[in-house]
C-alpha atoms as a PDB file:
ATOM      1  CA  MET A   1      28.594   0.129 -18.196  1.00  0.00           C
ATOM      2  CA  LYS A   2      26.439   1.860 -20.870  1.00  0.00           C
ATOM      3  CA  LEU A   3      23.681  -0.929 -19.792  1.00  0.00           C
ATOM      4  CA  ALA A   4      23.862   0.673 -16.735  1.00  0.00           C
ATOM      5  CA  ARG A   5      23.552   4.573 -17.365  1.00  0.00           C
ATOM      6  CA  GLU A   6      20.644   3.512 -19.824  1.00  0.00           C
ATOM      7  CA  LYS A   7      19.107   2.262 -17.091  1.00  0.00           C
ATOM      8  CA  MET A   8      20.064   4.905 -14.813  1.00  0.00           C
ATOM      9  CA  LEU A   9      18.192   7.147 -17.480  1.00  0.00           C
ATOM     10  CA  ARG A  10      14.774   4.986 -17.502  1.00  0.00           C
ATOM     11  CA  ARG A  11      14.169   5.234 -13.675  1.00  0.00           C
ATOM     12  CA  ASP A  12      15.118   9.061 -14.167  1.00  0.00           C
ATOM     13  CA  GLU A  13      12.661   9.059 -16.790  1.00  0.00           C
ATOM     14  CA  LYS A  14      10.253   7.404 -14.632  1.00  0.00           C
ATOM     15  CA  ALA A  15      10.572   9.177 -11.413  1.00  0.00           C
ATOM     16  CA  ASP A  16      10.008  12.582 -13.624  1.00  0.00           C
ATOM     17  CA  GLY A  17       6.667  10.836 -14.689  1.00  0.00           C
ATOM     18  CA  ALA A  18       5.380  10.158 -11.107  1.00  0.00           C
ATOM     19  CA  SER A  19       6.066  13.749 -10.030  1.00  0.00           C
ATOM     20  CA  GLU A  20       4.276  15.003 -13.033  1.00  0.00           C
ATOM     21  CA  THR A  21       1.737  12.412 -12.199  1.00  0.00           C
ATOM     22  CA  ALA A  22       1.271  13.434  -8.909  1.00  0.00           C
ATOM     23  CA  ARG A  23       1.288  17.310  -9.777  1.00  0.00           C
ATOM     24  CA  LEU A  24      -2.004  16.230 -12.371  1.00  0.00           C
ATOM     25  CA  ILE A  25      -3.724  14.689 -10.143  1.00  0.00           C
ATOM     26  CA  SER A  26      -3.925  17.220  -7.721  1.00  0.00           C
ATOM     27  CA  ARG A  27      -4.066  19.813 -10.138  1.00  0.00           C
ATOM     28  CA  GLN A  28      -7.997  17.480 -10.837  1.00  0.00           C
ATOM     29  CA  ILE A  29      -8.382  16.926  -8.075  1.00  0.00           C
ATOM     30  CA  ARG A  30      -8.114  21.414  -7.126  1.00  0.00           C
ATOM     31  CA  HIS A  31     -10.428  22.188 -10.009  1.00  0.00           C
ATOM     32  CA  ALA A  32     -14.048  23.651  -8.478  1.00  0.00           C
ATOM     33  CA  GLU A  33     -16.107  20.474 -10.261  1.00  0.00           C
ATOM     34  CA  ASN A  34     -14.033  17.842  -9.146  1.00  0.00           C
ATOM     35  CA  ALA A  35     -13.775  19.261  -5.451  1.00  0.00           C
ATOM     36  CA  ARG A  36     -17.907  19.234  -5.520  1.00  0.00           C
ATOM     37  CA  PHE A  37     -18.163  15.772  -5.962  1.00  0.00           C
ATOM     38  CA  LEU A  38     -14.994  14.927  -3.670  1.00  0.00           C
ATOM     39  CA  ARG A  39     -16.974  16.636  -1.348  1.00  0.00           C
ATOM     40  CA  ARG A  40     -20.522  15.022  -2.208  1.00  0.00           C
ATOM     41  CA  LEU A  41     -19.058  11.058  -1.517  1.00  0.00           C
ATOM     42  CA  PRO A  42     -19.896   9.762   2.200  1.00  0.00           C
ATOM     43  CA  GLY A  43     -16.258   9.181   4.035  1.00  0.00           C
ATOM     44  CA  PHE A  44     -15.127   5.789   4.521  1.00  0.00           C
ATOM     45  CA  GLU A  45     -14.208   3.879   7.737  1.00  0.00           C
ATOM     46  CA  LEU A  46     -12.422   0.987   8.986  1.00  0.00           C
ATOM     47  CA  GLN A  47     -14.100  -1.349  11.076  1.00  0.00           C
ATOM     48  CA  ARG A  48     -12.565  -1.711  14.241  1.00  0.00           C
ATOM     49  CA  GLU A  49     -13.492  -5.299  15.433  1.00  0.00           C
ATOM     50  CA  LEU A  50     -13.204  -7.574  13.294  1.00  0.00           C
ATOM     51  CA  PRO A  51     -15.013 -11.125  12.658  1.00  0.00           C
ATOM     52  CA  GLY A  52     -15.264 -13.644  14.067  1.00  0.00           C
ATOM     53  CA  SER A  53     -13.871 -15.847  11.392  1.00  0.00           C
ATOM     54  CA  LEU A  54     -11.188 -13.233  10.636  1.00  0.00           C
ATOM     55  CA  LEU A  55      -9.512 -13.790  14.168  1.00  0.00           C
ATOM     56  CA  ASP A  56     -10.093 -17.632  14.272  1.00  0.00           C
ATOM     57  CA  LEU A  57      -7.686 -18.180  11.251  1.00  0.00           C
ATOM     58  CA  LEU A  58      -5.414 -14.936  12.636  1.00  0.00           C
ATOM     59  CA  CYS A  59      -4.751 -17.288  15.884  1.00  0.00           C
ATOM     60  CA  LYS A  60      -4.364 -19.968  14.140  1.00  0.00           C
ATOM     61  CA  LEU A  61      -1.343 -18.301  11.700  1.00  0.00           C
ATOM     62  CA  GLN A  62      -0.078 -16.295  14.684  1.00  0.00           C
ATOM     63  CA  GLU A  63       0.139 -20.744  16.410  1.00  0.00           C
ATOM     64  CA  ALA A  64       1.668 -22.076  14.240  1.00  0.00           C
ATOM     65  CA  GLU A  65       4.378 -19.041  13.248  1.00  0.00           C
ATOM     66  CA  SER A  66       4.947 -19.445  17.435  1.00  0.00           C
ATOM     67  CA  ALA A  67       5.658 -23.427  16.272  1.00  0.00           C
ATOM     68  CA  SER A  68       8.232 -22.905  13.631  1.00  0.00           C
ATOM     69  CA  ALA A  69      10.526 -20.537  15.294  1.00  0.00           C
ATOM     70  CA  GLN A  70      10.389 -22.361  17.421  1.00  0.00           C
ATOM     71  CA  ARG A  71      11.398 -25.226  15.655  1.00  0.00           C
ATOM     72  CA  ARG A  72      13.939 -22.758  13.988  1.00  0.00           C
ATOM     73  CA  HIS A  73      15.662 -22.367  17.315  1.00  0.00           C
ATOM     74  CA  GLY A  74      15.653 -25.696  19.278  1.00  0.00           C
ATOM     75  CA  THR A  75      13.066 -24.600  21.874  1.00  0.00           C
ATOM     76  CA  ARG A  76      10.039 -26.618  22.623  1.00  0.00           C
END
């Protein structure tokens, strides 16, 4: 019982530390100097199209998963 209570206390301490960290980060971002720096950073965007080699790998993965599922369920 004592161990469980100690583990719960440690989790609570971690949660408090995490929320304190979030507050600190938020405060730092709002500083004028940091805000200017962050505004100058270029935004990034994800490529909408995947390279052909990656698409090929994803197709092979999907085929392997389908074959595995069919073997598990006894269907072909």
